[in-house]
Amino acid sequence: TRSGWSVLVRGLAEEITPAHRAELVARTEGTGLTTWAPGEHGHW
């Protein structure tokens, strides 16, 4: 149909580690995000 949409986000990326507030770590991991690619993807 030659239709569609595109969204662009510009921002600051920050790795979440145990050094962050426990509440922030829990919220981040609480998204339930899983990866499609094989292998370990343990960095949030």
All heavy atoms as atom14 arrays in JSON, in Angstrom:
{
  "sequence": "TRSGWSVLVRGLAEEITPAHRAELVARTEGTGLTTWAPGEHGHW",
  "atom14_mask": [
    [1, 1, 1, 1, 1, 1, 1, 0, 0, 0, 0, 0, 0, 0],
    [1, 1, 1, 1, 1, 1, 1, 1, 1, 1, 1, 0, 0, 0],
    [1, 1, 1, 1, 1, 1, 0, 0, 0, 0, 0, 0, 0, 0],
    [1, 1, 1, 1, 0, 0, 0, 0, 0, 0, 0, 0, 0, 0],
    [1, 1, 1, 1, 1, 1, 1, 1, 1, 1, 1, 1, 1, 1],
    [1, 1, 1, 1, 1, 1, 0, 0, 0, 0, 0, 0, 0, 0],
    [1, 1, 1, 1, 1, 1, 1, 0, 0, 0, 0, 0, 0, 0],
    [1, 1, 1, 1, 1, 1, 1, 1, 0, 0, 0, 0, 0, 0],
    [1, 1, 1, 1, 1, 1, 1, 0, 0, 0, 0, 0, 0, 0],
    [1, 1, 1, 1, 1, 1, 1, 1, 1, 1, 1, 0, 0, 0],
    [1, 1, 1, 1, 0, 0, 0, 0, 0, 0, 0, 0, 0, 0],
    [1, 1, 1, 1, 1, 1, 1, 1, 0, 0, 0, 0, 0, 0],
    [1, 1, 1, 1, 1, 0, 0, 0, 0, 0, 0, 0, 0, 0],
    [1, 1, 1, 1, 1, 1, 1, 1, 1, 0, 0, 0, 0, 0],
    [1, 1, 1, 1, 1, 1, 1, 1, 1, 0, 0, 0, 0, 0],
    [1, 1, 1, 1, 1, 1, 1, 1, 0, 0, 0, 0, 0, 0],
    [1, 1, 1, 1, 1, 1, 1, 0, 0, 0, 0, 0, 0, 0],
    [1, 1, 1, 1, 1, 1, 1, 0, 0, 0, 0, 0, 0, 0],
    [1, 1, 1, 1, 1, 0, 0, 0, 0, 0, 0, 0, 0, 0],
    [1, 1, 1, 1, 1, 1, 1, 1, 1, 1, 0, 0, 0, 0],
    [1, 1, 1, 1, 1, 1, 1, 1, 1, 1, 1, 0, 0, 0],
    [1, 1, 1, 1, 1, 0, 0, 0, 0, 0, 0, 0, 0, 0],
    [1, 1, 1, 1, 1, 1, 1, 1, 1, 0, 0, 0, 0, 0],
    [1, 1, 1, 1, 1, 1, 1, 1, 0, 0, 0, 0, 0, 0],
    [1, 1, 1, 1, 1, 1, 1, 0, 0, 0, 0, 0, 0, 0],
    [1, 1, 1, 1, 1, 0, 0, 0, 0, 0, 0, 0, 0, 0],
    [1, 1, 1, 1, 1, 1, 1, 1, 1, 1, 1, 0, 0, 0],
    [1, 1, 1, 1, 1, 1, 1, 0, 0, 0, 0, 0, 0, 0],
    [1, 1, 1, 1, 1, 1, 1, 1, 1, 0, 0, 0, 0, 0],
    [1, 1, 1, 1, 0, 0, 0, 0, 0, 0, 0, 0, 0, 0],
    [1, 1, 1, 1, 1, 1, 1, 0, 0, 0, 0, 0, 0, 0],
    [1, 1, 1, 1, 0, 0, 0, 0, 0, 0, 0, 0, 0, 0],
    [1, 1, 1, 1, 1, 1, 1, 1, 0, 0, 0, 0, 0, 0],
    [1, 1, 1, 1, 1, 1, 1, 0, 0, 0, 0, 0, 0, 0],
    [1, 1, 1, 1, 1, 1, 1, 0, 0, 0, 0, 0, 0, 0],
    [1, 1, 1, 1, 1, 1, 1, 1, 1, 1, 1, 1, 1, 1],
    [1, 1, 1, 1, 1, 0, 0, 0, 0, 0, 0, 0, 0, 0],
    [1, 1, 1, 1, 1, 1, 1, 0, 0, 0, 0, 0, 0, 0],
    [1, 1, 1, 1, 0, 0, 0, 0, 0, 0, 0, 0, 0, 0],
    [1, 1, 1, 1, 1, 1, 1, 1, 1, 0, 0, 0, 0, 0],
    [1, 1, 1, 1, 1, 1, 1, 1, 1, 1, 0, 0, 0, 0],
    [1, 1, 1, 1, 0, 0, 0, 0, 0, 0, 0, 0, 0, 0],
    [1, 1, 1, 1, 1, 1, 1, 1, 1, 1, 0, 0, 0, 0],
    [1, 1, 1, 1, 1, 1, 1, 1, 1, 1, 1, 1, 1, 1]
  ],
  "atom14_positions": [
    [[0.81, -1.22, 0.0], [0.0, 0.0, 0.0], [0.84, 1.27, 0.0], [0.3, 2.36, -0.05], [-0.93, 0.04, 1.23], [-0.13, 0.09, 2.42], [-1.85, -1.16, 1.25], [0.0, 0.0, 0.0], [0.0, 0.0, 0.0], [0.0, 0.0, 0.0], [0.0, 0.0, 0.0], [0.0, 0.0, 0.0], [0.0, 0.0, 0.0], [0.0, 0.0, 0.0]],
    [[2.16, 1.09, 0.08], [3.09, 2.23, 0.12], [2.74, 3.16, 1.28], [2.68, 4.37, 1.15], [3.1, 2.97, -1.21], [3.55, 2.05, -2.35], [3.54, 2.75, -3.65], [4.63, 3.73, -3.65], [5.05, 4.36, -4.72], [4.47, 4.15, -5.87], [6.03, 5.22, -4.63], [0.0, 0.0, 0.0], [0.0, 0.0, 0.0], [0.0, 0.0, 0.0]],
    [[2.49, 2.54, 2.43], [2.15, 3.31, 3.63], [3.04, 2.82, 4.77], [3.7, 1.79, 4.67], [0.68, 3.11, 3.99], [0.43, 1.75, 4.3], [0.0, 0.0, 0.0], [0.0, 0.0, 0.0], [0.0, 0.0, 0.0], [0.0, 0.0, 0.0], [0.0, 0.0, 0.0], [0.0, 0.0, 0.0], [0.0, 0.0, 0.0], [0.0, 0.0, 0.0]],
    [[3.02, 3.56, 5.85], [3.78, 3.13, 7.02], [4.1, 4.29, 7.93], [3.63, 5.41, 7.73], [0.0, 0.0, 0.0], [0.0, 0.0, 0.0], [0.0, 0.0, 0.0], [0.0, 0.0, 0.0], [0.0, 0.0, 0.0], [0.0, 0.0, 0.0], [0.0, 0.0, 0.0], [0.0, 0.0, 0.0], [0.0, 0.0, 0.0], [0.0, 0.0, 0.0]],
    [[4.92, 3.97, 8.93], [5.32, 4.98, 9.89], [6.74, 4.72, 10.35], [7.27, 3.62, 10.19], [4.37, 5.04, 11.08], [4.23, 3.72, 11.81], [3.25, 2.78, 11.61], [5.06, 3.2, 12.84], [3.44, 1.71, 12.45], [4.55, 1.95, 13.22], [6.2, 3.67, 13.49], [5.13, 1.15, 14.21], [6.78, 2.88, 14.48], [6.24, 1.64, 14.82]],
    [[7.35, 5.75, 10.89], [8.71, 5.65, 11.42], [8.81, 6.57, 12.63], [8.32, 7.69, 12.61], [9.72, 6.09, 10.36], [11.03, 6.02, 10.86], [0.0, 0.0, 0.0], [0.0, 0.0, 0.0], [0.0, 0.0, 0.0], [0.0, 0.0, 0.0], [0.0, 0.0, 0.0], [0.0, 0.0, 0.0], [0.0, 0.0, 0.0], [0.0, 0.0, 0.0]],
    [[9.44, 6.05, 13.7], [9.66, 6.83, 14.92], [11.16, 6.85, 15.2], [11.83, 5.82, 15.16], [8.89, 6.22, 16.11], [9.28, 6.91, 17.42], [7.38, 6.33, 15.88], [0.0, 0.0, 0.0], [0.0, 0.0, 0.0], [0.0, 0.0, 0.0], [0.0, 0.0, 0.0], [0.0, 0.0, 0.0], [0.0, 0.0, 0.0], [0.0, 0.0, 0.0]],
    [[11.67, 8.03, 15.49], [13.08, 8.21, 15.82], [13.18, 8.79, 17.23], [12.55, 9.8, 17.55], [13.74, 9.18, 14.83], [15.19, 9.55, 15.12], [16.1, 8.34, 15.01], [15.64, 10.66, 14.19], [0.0, 0.0, 0.0], [0.0, 0.0, 0.0], [0.0, 0.0, 0.0], [0.0, 0.0, 0.0], [0.0, 0.0, 0.0], [0.0, 0.0, 0.0]],
    [[14.0, 8.12, 18.05], [14.24, 8.58, 19.42], [15.72, 8.94, 19.52], [16.58, 8.18, 19.1], [13.9, 7.48, 20.45], [14.19, 7.95, 21.87], [12.46, 7.03, 20.31], [0.0, 0.0, 0.0], [0.0, 0.0, 0.0], [0.0, 0.0, 0.0], [0.0, 0.0, 0.0], [0.0, 0.0, 0.0], [0.0, 0.0, 0.0], [0.0, 0.0, 0.0]],
    [[15.99, 10.09, 20.09], [17.36, 10.5, 20.4], [17.46, 10.56, 21.91], [16.57, 11.1, 22.57], [17.67, 11.86, 19.78], [17.62, 11.81, 18.25], [17.48, 13.18, 17.6], [16.43, 14.05, 18.11], [15.14, 13.94, 17.82], [14.71, 12.98, 17.06], [14.26, 14.78, 18.31], [0.0, 0.0, 0.0], [0.0, 0.0, 0.0], [0.0, 0.0, 0.0]],
    [[18.52, 9.96, 22.44], [18.6, 9.95, 23.89], [19.92, 9.46, 24.43], [20.87, 9.21, 23.69], [0.0, 0.0, 0.0], [0.0, 0.0, 0.0], [0.0, 0.0, 0.0], [0.0, 0.0, 0.0], [0.0, 0.0, 0.0], [0.0, 0.0, 0.0], [0.0, 0.0, 0.0], [0.0, 0.0, 0.0], [0.0, 0.0, 0.0], [0.0, 0.0, 0.0]],
    [[19.93, 9.32, 25.74], [21.12, 8.89, 26.47], [20.95, 7.44, 26.87], [19.94, 7.08, 27.49], [21.31, 9.76, 27.71], [22.48, 9.37, 28.62], [23.8, 9.62, 27.91], [22.42, 10.15, 29.92], [0.0, 0.0, 0.0], [0.0, 0.0, 0.0], [0.0, 0.0, 0.0], [0.0, 0.0, 0.0], [0.0, 0.0, 0.0], [0.0, 0.0, 0.0]],
    [[21.92, 6.61, 26.53], [21.89, 5.2, 26.91], [22.71, 5.01, 28.18], [23.77, 5.61, 28.35], [22.46, 4.34, 25.79], [0.0, 0.0, 0.0], [0.0, 0.0, 0.0], [0.0, 0.0, 0.0], [0.0, 0.0, 0.0], [0.0, 0.0, 0.0], [0.0, 0.0, 0.0], [0.0, 0.0, 0.0], [0.0, 0.0, 0.0], [0.0, 0.0, 0.0]],
    [[22.18, 4.17, 29.07], [22.85, 3.93, 30.35], [22.65, 2.47, 30.73], [21.52, 1.98, 30.78], [22.27, 4.83, 31.42], [22.81, 4.58, 32.79], [22.18, 5.48, 33.84], [20.97, 5.74, 33.77], [22.93, 5.89, 34.74], [0.0, 0.0, 0.0], [0.0, 0.0, 0.0], [0.0, 0.0, 0.0], [0.0, 0.0, 0.0], [0.0, 0.0, 0.0]],
    [[23.75, 1.77, 31.01], [23.64, 0.39, 31.48], [23.16, 0.4, 32.92], [23.64, 1.17, 33.75], [24.97, -0.34, 31.37], [24.83, -1.79, 31.81], [26.1, -2.61, 31.67], [27.15, -2.05, 31.31], [26.03, -3.82, 31.94], [0.0, 0.0, 0.0], [0.0, 0.0, 0.0], [0.0, 0.0, 0.0], [0.0, 0.0, 0.0], [0.0, 0.0, 0.0]],
    [[22.22, -0.47, 33.21], [21.69, -0.62, 34.57], [22.44, -1.76, 35.23], [22.47, -2.88, 34.72], [20.18, -0.89, 34.54], [19.45, 0.25, 33.84], [19.64, -1.11, 35.95], [19.68, 1.63, 34.44], [0.0, 0.0, 0.0], [0.0, 0.0, 0.0], [0.0, 0.0, 0.0], [0.0, 0.0, 0.0], [0.0, 0.0, 0.0], [0.0, 0.0, 0.0]],
    [[23.04, -1.48, 36.37], [23.84, -2.46, 37.1], [23.33, -2.56, 38.53], [22.51, -1.73, 38.97], [25.33, -2.04, 37.12], [25.45, -0.85, 37.92], [25.86, -1.78, 35.71], [0.0, 0.0, 0.0], [0.0, 0.0, 0.0], [0.0, 0.0, 0.0], [0.0, 0.0, 0.0], [0.0, 0.0, 0.0], [0.0, 0.0, 0.0], [0.0, 0.0, 0.0]],
    [[23.82, -3.54, 39.3], [23.42, -3.63, 40.71], [23.76, -2.38, 41.52], [23.21, -2.18, 42.6], [24.19, -4.85, 41.22], [24.4, -5.68, 39.99], [24.6, -4.7, 38.87], [0.0, 0.0, 0.0], [0.0, 0.0, 0.0], [0.0, 0.0, 0.0], [0.0, 0.0, 0.0], [0.0, 0.0, 0.0], [0.0, 0.0, 0.0], [0.0, 0.0, 0.0]],
    [[24.63, -1.51, 41.0], [24.97, -0.27, 41.7], [23.81, 0.73, 41.66], [23.8, 1.68, 42.44], [26.22, 0.36, 41.09], [0.0, 0.0, 0.0], [0.0, 0.0, 0.0], [0.0, 0.0, 0.0], [0.0, 0.0, 0.0], [0.0, 0.0, 0.0], [0.0, 0.0, 0.0], [0.0, 0.0, 0.0], [0.0, 0.0, 0.0], [0.0, 0.0, 0.0]],
    [[22.86, 0.54, 40.76], [21.69, 1.41, 40.7], [20.7, 1.03, 41.8], [20.81, -0.04, 42.39], [21.01, 1.31, 39.32], [21.77, 2.01, 38.25], [22.79, 1.42, 37.55], [21.65, 3.26, 37.74], [23.27, 2.26, 36.67], [22.6, 3.4, 36.77], [0.0, 0.0, 0.0], [0.0, 0.0, 0.0], [0.0, 0.0, 0.0], [0.0, 0.0, 0.0]],
    [[19.75, 1.91, 42.04], [18.71, 1.62, 43.03], [18.01, 0.3, 42.71], [17.71, 0.01, 41.55], [17.67, 2.74, 43.05], [18.19, 4.09, 43.49], [17.06, 5.13, 43.57], [15.99, 4.97, 42.62], [15.89, 5.64, 41.47], [16.81, 6.5, 41.13], [14.87, 5.45, 40.68], [0.0, 0.0, 0.0], [0.0, 0.0, 0.0], [0.0, 0.0, 0.0]],
    [[17.74, -0.47, 43.73], [17.08, -1.77, 43.54], [15.75, -1.62, 42.82], [15.38, -2.45, 41.98], [16.89, -2.45, 44.9], [0.0, 0.0, 0.0], [0.0, 0.0, 0.0], [0.0, 0.0, 0.0], [0.0, 0.0, 0.0], [0.0, 0.0, 0.0], [0.0, 0.0, 0.0], [0.0, 0.0, 0.0], [0.0, 0.0, 0.0], [0.0, 0.0, 0.0]],
    [[15.03, -0.53, 43.11], [13.73, -0.29, 42.47], [13.89, -0.09, 40.97], [13.1, -0.59, 40.18], [13.07, 0.93, 43.15], [11.75, 1.35, 42.54], [11.93, 2.47, 41.52], [12.89, 3.25, 41.62], [11.09, 2.55, 40.61], [0.0, 0.0, 0.0], [0.0, 0.0, 0.0], [0.0, 0.0, 0.0], [0.0, 0.0, 0.0], [0.0, 0.0, 0.0]],
    [[14.94, 0.62, 40.54], [15.19, 0.85, 39.12], [15.58, -0.46, 38.43], [15.1, -0.76, 37.34], [16.28, 1.9, 38.92], [16.63, 2.23, 37.46], [15.42, 2.79, 36.73], [17.8, 3.19, 37.4], [0.0, 0.0, 0.0], [0.0, 0.0, 0.0], [0.0, 0.0, 0.0], [0.0, 0.0, 0.0], [0.0, 0.0, 0.0], [0.0, 0.0, 0.0]],
    [[16.42, -1.24, 39.07], [16.81, -2.54, 38.52], [15.57, -3.43, 38.36], [15.35, -4.05, 37.32], [17.87, -3.23, 39.4], [18.15, -4.65, 38.94], [19.16, -2.4, 39.43], [0.0, 0.0, 0.0], [0.0, 0.0, 0.0], [0.0, 0.0, 0.0], [0.0, 0.0, 0.0], [0.0, 0.0, 0.0], [0.0, 0.0, 0.0], [0.0, 0.0, 0.0]],
    [[14.73, -3.47, 39.37], [13.51, -4.3, 39.34], [12.56, -3.84, 38.23], [12.0, -4.67, 37.51], [12.81, -4.27, 40.69], [0.0, 0.0, 0.0], [0.0, 0.0, 0.0], [0.0, 0.0, 0.0], [0.0, 0.0, 0.0], [0.0, 0.0, 0.0], [0.0, 0.0, 0.0], [0.0, 0.0, 0.0], [0.0, 0.0, 0.0], [0.0, 0.0, 0.0]],
    [[12.37, -2.53, 38.08], [11.49, -2.02, 37.02], [12.03, -2.37, 35.65], [11.28, -2.75, 34.75], [11.35, -0.5, 37.13], [10.3, -0.05, 38.1], [9.91, 1.42, 37.96], [10.62, 2.23, 37.02], [11.39, 3.28, 37.34], [11.54, 3.65, 38.6], [11.98, 3.99, 36.41], [0.0, 0.0, 0.0], [0.0, 0.0, 0.0], [0.0, 0.0, 0.0]],
    [[13.34, -2.22, 35.48], [13.97, -2.51, 34.19], [13.82, -3.99, 33.84], [13.37, -4.34, 32.76], [15.46, -2.11, 34.23], [15.55, -0.71, 34.52], [16.14, -2.39, 32.9], [0.0, 0.0, 0.0], [0.0, 0.0, 0.0], [0.0, 0.0, 0.0], [0.0, 0.0, 0.0], [0.0, 0.0, 0.0], [0.0, 0.0, 0.0], [0.0, 0.0, 0.0]],
    [[14.18, -4.85, 34.77], [14.09, -6.3, 34.52], [12.63, -6.75, 34.47], [12.31, -7.76, 33.84], [14.87, -7.06, 35.57], [16.37, -6.8, 35.45], [17.2, -7.5, 36.51], [16.63, -8.18, 37.39], [18.44, -7.35, 36.45], [0.0, 0.0, 0.0], [0.0, 0.0, 0.0], [0.0, 0.0, 0.0], [0.0, 0.0, 0.0], [0.0, 0.0, 0.0]],
    [[11.74, -5.99, 35.1], [10.32, -6.31, 35.11], [9.63, -6.14, 33.77], [8.48, -6.56, 33.61], [0.0, 0.0, 0.0], [0.0, 0.0, 0.0], [0.0, 0.0, 0.0], [0.0, 0.0, 0.0], [0.0, 0.0, 0.0], [0.0, 0.0, 0.0], [0.0, 0.0, 0.0], [0.0, 0.0, 0.0], [0.0, 0.0, 0.0], [0.0, 0.0, 0.0]],
    [[10.31, -5.54, 32.8], [9.71, -5.42, 31.47], [9.55, -6.79, 30.83], [8.78, -6.94, 29.88], [10.56, -4.53, 30.54], [11.84, -5.13, 30.35], [10.68, -3.12, 31.08], [0.0, 0.0, 0.0], [0.0, 0.0, 0.0], [0.0, 0.0, 0.0], [0.0, 0.0, 0.0], [0.0, 0.0, 0.0], [0.0, 0.0, 0.0], [0.0, 0.0, 0.0]],
    [[10.3, -7.78, 31.32], [10.21, -9.12, 30.76], [10.84, -9.25, 29.39], [10.59, -10.22, 28.67], [0.0, 0.0, 0.0], [0.0, 0.0, 0.0], [0.0, 0.0, 0.0], [0.0, 0.0, 0.0], [0.0, 0.0, 0.0], [0.0, 0.0, 0.0], [0.0, 0.0, 0.0], [0.0, 0.0, 0.0], [0.0, 0.0, 0.0], [0.0, 0.0, 0.0]],
    [[11.67, -8.31, 29.02], [12.3, -8.32, 27.7], [13.13, -9.58, 27.5], [13.98, -9.91, 28.32], [13.18, -7.08, 27.54], [14.01, -6.98, 26.26], [13.11, -6.95, 25.03], [14.89, -5.75, 26.31], [0.0, 0.0, 0.0], [0.0, 0.0, 0.0], [0.0, 0.0, 0.0], [0.0, 0.0, 0.0], [0.0, 0.0, 0.0], [0.0, 0.0, 0.0]],
    [[12.85, -10.28, 26.42], [13.67, -11.42, 26.02], [14.27, -11.12, 24.66], [13.71, -10.35, 23.87], [12.85, -12.72, 25.93], [11.79, -12.52, 24.99], [12.26, -13.1, 27.28], [0.0, 0.0, 0.0], [0.0, 0.0, 0.0], [0.0, 0.0, 0.0], [0.0, 0.0, 0.0], [0.0, 0.0, 0.0], [0.0, 0.0, 0.0], [0.0, 0.0, 0.0]],
    [[15.41, -11.72, 24.38], [16.09, -11.47, 23.11], [15.83, -12.61, 22.15], [15.59, -13.75, 22.56], [17.6, -11.3, 23.32], [18.12, -12.49, 23.91], [17.89, -10.12, 24.22], [0.0, 0.0, 0.0], [0.0, 0.0, 0.0], [0.0, 0.0, 0.0], [0.0, 0.0, 0.0], [0.0, 0.0, 0.0], [0.0, 0.0, 0.0], [0.0, 0.0, 0.0]],
    [[15.9, -12.31, 20.87], [15.73, -13.33, 19.85], [17.06, -14.0, 19.53], [17.1, -15.17, 19.21], [15.18, -12.71, 18.57], [13.77, -12.24, 18.65], [12.99, -12.09, 19.77], [12.95, -11.85, 17.56], [11.75, -11.63, 19.44], [11.69, -11.47, 18.08], [13.14, -11.77, 16.2], [10.64, -11.03, 17.28], [12.1, -11.34, 15.4], [10.87, -10.97, 15.94]],
    [[18.14, -13.23, 19.58], [19.45, -13.77, 19.21], [19.93, -14.75, 20.28], [19.68, -14.55, 21.48], [20.45, -12.63, 19.06], [0.0, 0.0, 0.0], [0.0, 0.0, 0.0], [0.0, 0.0, 0.0], [0.0, 0.0, 0.0], [0.0, 0.0, 0.0], [0.0, 0.0, 0.0], [0.0, 0.0, 0.0], [0.0, 0.0, 0.0], [0.0, 0.0, 0.0]],
    [[20.61, -15.8, 19.86], [21.13, -16.75, 20.85], [22.28, -16.13, 21.64], [22.85, -15.12, 21.23], [21.62, -17.92, 19.98], [21.9, -17.31, 18.65], [20.93, -16.18, 18.49], [0.0, 0.0, 0.0], [0.0, 0.0, 0.0], [0.0, 0.0, 0.0], [0.0, 0.0, 0.0], [0.0, 0.0, 0.0], [0.0, 0.0, 0.0], [0.0, 0.0, 0.0]],
    [[22.58, -16.74, 22.76], [23.7, -16.28, 23.57], [23.24, -15.51, 24.78], [22.06, -15.23, 24.97], [0.0, 0.0, 0.0], [0.0, 0.0, 0.0], [0.0, 0.0, 0.0], [0.0, 0.0, 0.0], [0.0, 0.0, 0.0], [0.0, 0.0, 0.0], [0.0, 0.0, 0.0], [0.0, 0.0, 0.0], [0.0, 0.0, 0.0], [0.0, 0.0, 0.0]],
    [[24.2, -15.18, 25.6], [23.95, -14.46, 26.85], [23.79, -12.96, 26.56], [24.64, -12.35, 25.94], [25.11, -14.69, 27.82], [24.99, -13.93, 29.11], [23.69, -14.22, 29.86], [23.25, -15.38, 29.87], [23.12, -13.28, 30.44], [0.0, 0.0, 0.0], [0.0, 0.0, 0.0], [0.0, 0.0, 0.0], [0.0, 0.0, 0.0], [0.0, 0.0, 0.0]],
    [[22.7, -12.41, 27.0], [22.41, -10.98, 26.85], [22.07, -10.41, 28.22], [20.98, -9.88, 28.42], [21.27, -10.76, 25.86], [21.6, -11.15, 24.46], [21.54, -12.44, 24.01], [22.05, -10.41, 23.42], [21.89, -12.49, 22.75], [22.22, -11.26, 22.37], [0.0, 0.0, 0.0], [0.0, 0.0, 0.0], [0.0, 0.0, 0.0], [0.0, 0.0, 0.0]],
    [[23.0, -10.54, 29.15], [22.72, -10.19, 30.54], [22.9, -8.73, 30.91], [22.74, -8.38, 32.07], [0.0, 0.0, 0.0], [0.0, 0.0, 0.0], [0.0, 0.0, 0.0], [0.0, 0.0, 0.0], [0.0, 0.0, 0.0], [0.0, 0.0, 0.0], [0.0, 0.0, 0.0], [0.0, 0.0, 0.0], [0.0, 0.0, 0.0], [0.0, 0.0, 0.0]],
    [[23.22, -7.88, 29.94], [23.4, -6.46, 30.24], [22.13, -5.71, 29.87], [21.65, -5.78, 28.75], [24.59, -5.9, 29.46], [25.89, -6.52, 29.87], [26.68, -6.0, 30.86], [26.51, -7.63, 29.43], [27.74, -6.76, 31.02], [27.66, -7.76, 30.16], [0.0, 0.0, 0.0], [0.0, 0.0, 0.0], [0.0, 0.0, 0.0], [0.0, 0.0, 0.0]],
    [[21.6, -4.98, 30.85], [20.37, -4.21, 30.67], [20.74, -2.75, 30.43], [21.54, -2.17, 31.18], [19.5, -4.3, 31.91], [18.94, -5.68, 32.13], [19.56, -6.73, 32.74], [17.66, -6.14, 31.74], [18.74, -7.81, 32.76], [17.55, -7.48, 32.16], [16.57, -5.56, 31.09], [16.41, -8.25, 31.94], [15.44, -6.32, 30.87], [15.37, -7.65, 31.29]]
  ]
}
